[in-house]
């Protein structure tokens, strides 16, 4: 992944693809969880979460190319 001209390597955690970009974690949905998002992932939806690791907050969900902002904090604009 290239962000602001800097390359970030793909890594894996528990078999899930992820990128660590500063305070942000980009990680795919874990399909074995008992959530609605995981059920959609099991049916083939491609879901990625963007998490602020400094504040441990989910900021964005990207599902099949559709972006959903989860927080409306001043620092997440």
Protein backbone atom coordinates (compact mmCIF):
# COMPACT_ATOMS: atom_id res chain seq x y z
CA UNK A 1 0.00 0.00 0.00
CA UNK A 2 1.28 3.48 -0.82
CA UNK A 3 0.02 6.36 1.31
CA UNK A 4 1.29 9.93 0.92
CA UNK A 5 4.19 8.65 -1.16
CA UNK A 6 5.36 6.15 1.46
CA UNK A 7 5.12 2.38 0.97
CA UNK A 8 3.65 0.23 3.74
CA UNK A 9 4.05 -3.56 3.58
CA UNK A 10 1.19 -6.00 3.82
CA UNK A 11 1.36 -8.15 6.94
CA UNK A 12 -0.83 -10.84 8.41
CA UNK A 13 -2.32 -11.23 11.87
CA UNK A 14 -4.22 -14.41 12.60
CA UNK A 15 -4.47 -14.99 8.86
CA UNK A 16 -6.03 -11.58 8.22
CA UNK A 17 -4.41 -9.11 5.84
CA UNK A 18 -3.48 -5.79 7.41
CA UNK A 19 -1.53 -2.59 6.90
CA UNK A 20 -0.15 -0.49 9.73
CA UNK A 21 0.07 3.16 8.69
CA UNK A 22 1.15 5.34 11.59
CA UNK A 23 -1.77 5.40 14.06
CA UNK A 24 -4.06 3.72 11.56
CA UNK A 25 -4.69 0.01 11.14
CA UNK A 26 -6.32 -1.21 7.92
CA UNK A 27 -7.55 -4.77 8.50
CA UNK A 28 -9.96 -7.10 6.76
CA UNK A 29 -13.05 -8.48 8.49
CA UNK A 30 -12.51 -11.70 10.46
CA UNK A 31 -15.17 -14.00 8.96
CA UNK A 32 -15.41 -16.38 11.95
CA UNK A 33 -16.79 -13.75 14.35
CA UNK A 34 -20.45 -13.86 15.31
CA UNK A 35 -21.36 -10.45 13.87
CA UNK A 36 -23.46 -9.24 10.96
CA UNK A 37 -20.33 -7.98 9.20
CA UNK A 38 -18.66 -11.37 9.56
CA UNK A 39 -21.76 -13.11 8.19
CA UNK A 40 -21.65 -10.83 5.13
CA UNK A 41 -17.92 -11.57 4.74
CA UNK A 42 -18.65 -15.30 4.82
CA UNK A 43 -21.14 -14.74 1.98
CA UNK A 44 -18.43 -13.03 -0.09
CA UNK A 45 -18.57 -9.35 0.90
CA UNK A 46 -15.16 -7.69 1.02
CA UNK A 47 -14.98 -5.73 4.27
CA UNK A 48 -12.10 -3.69 5.65
CA UNK A 49 -11.96 -1.66 8.84
CA UNK A 50 -9.81 1.40 9.51
CA UNK A 51 -8.99 1.69 13.20
CA UNK A 52 -7.23 4.51 15.05
CA UNK A 53 -4.80 2.52 17.20
CA UNK A 54 -3.89 5.50 19.39
CA UNK A 55 -7.49 5.94 20.60
CA UNK A 56 -8.65 2.35 19.84
CA UNK A 57 -11.58 3.64 17.78
CA UNK A 58 -13.12 2.19 14.64
CA UNK A 59 -13.20 5.09 12.14
CA UNK A 60 -14.32 3.65 8.82
CA UNK A 61 -15.80 0.51 7.29
CA UNK A 62 -15.24 -0.16 3.59
CA UNK A 63 -17.59 -2.80 2.25
CA UNK A 64 -17.45 -3.76 -1.41
CA UNK A 65 -16.07 -0.29 -2.20
CA UNK A 66 -18.68 1.64 -0.17
CA UNK A 67 -17.14 3.83 2.54
CA UNK A 68 -19.03 4.33 5.81
CA UNK A 69 -17.66 6.80 8.35
CA UNK A 70 -18.28 5.44 11.85
CA UNK A 71 -17.11 8.41 13.88
CA UNK A 72 -17.54 12.12 13.43
CA UNK A 73 -14.79 13.36 15.72
CA UNK A 74 -12.85 16.52 14.83
CA UNK A 75 -9.64 14.49 14.52
CA UNK A 76 -11.23 12.03 12.08
CA UNK A 77 -12.29 14.57 9.42
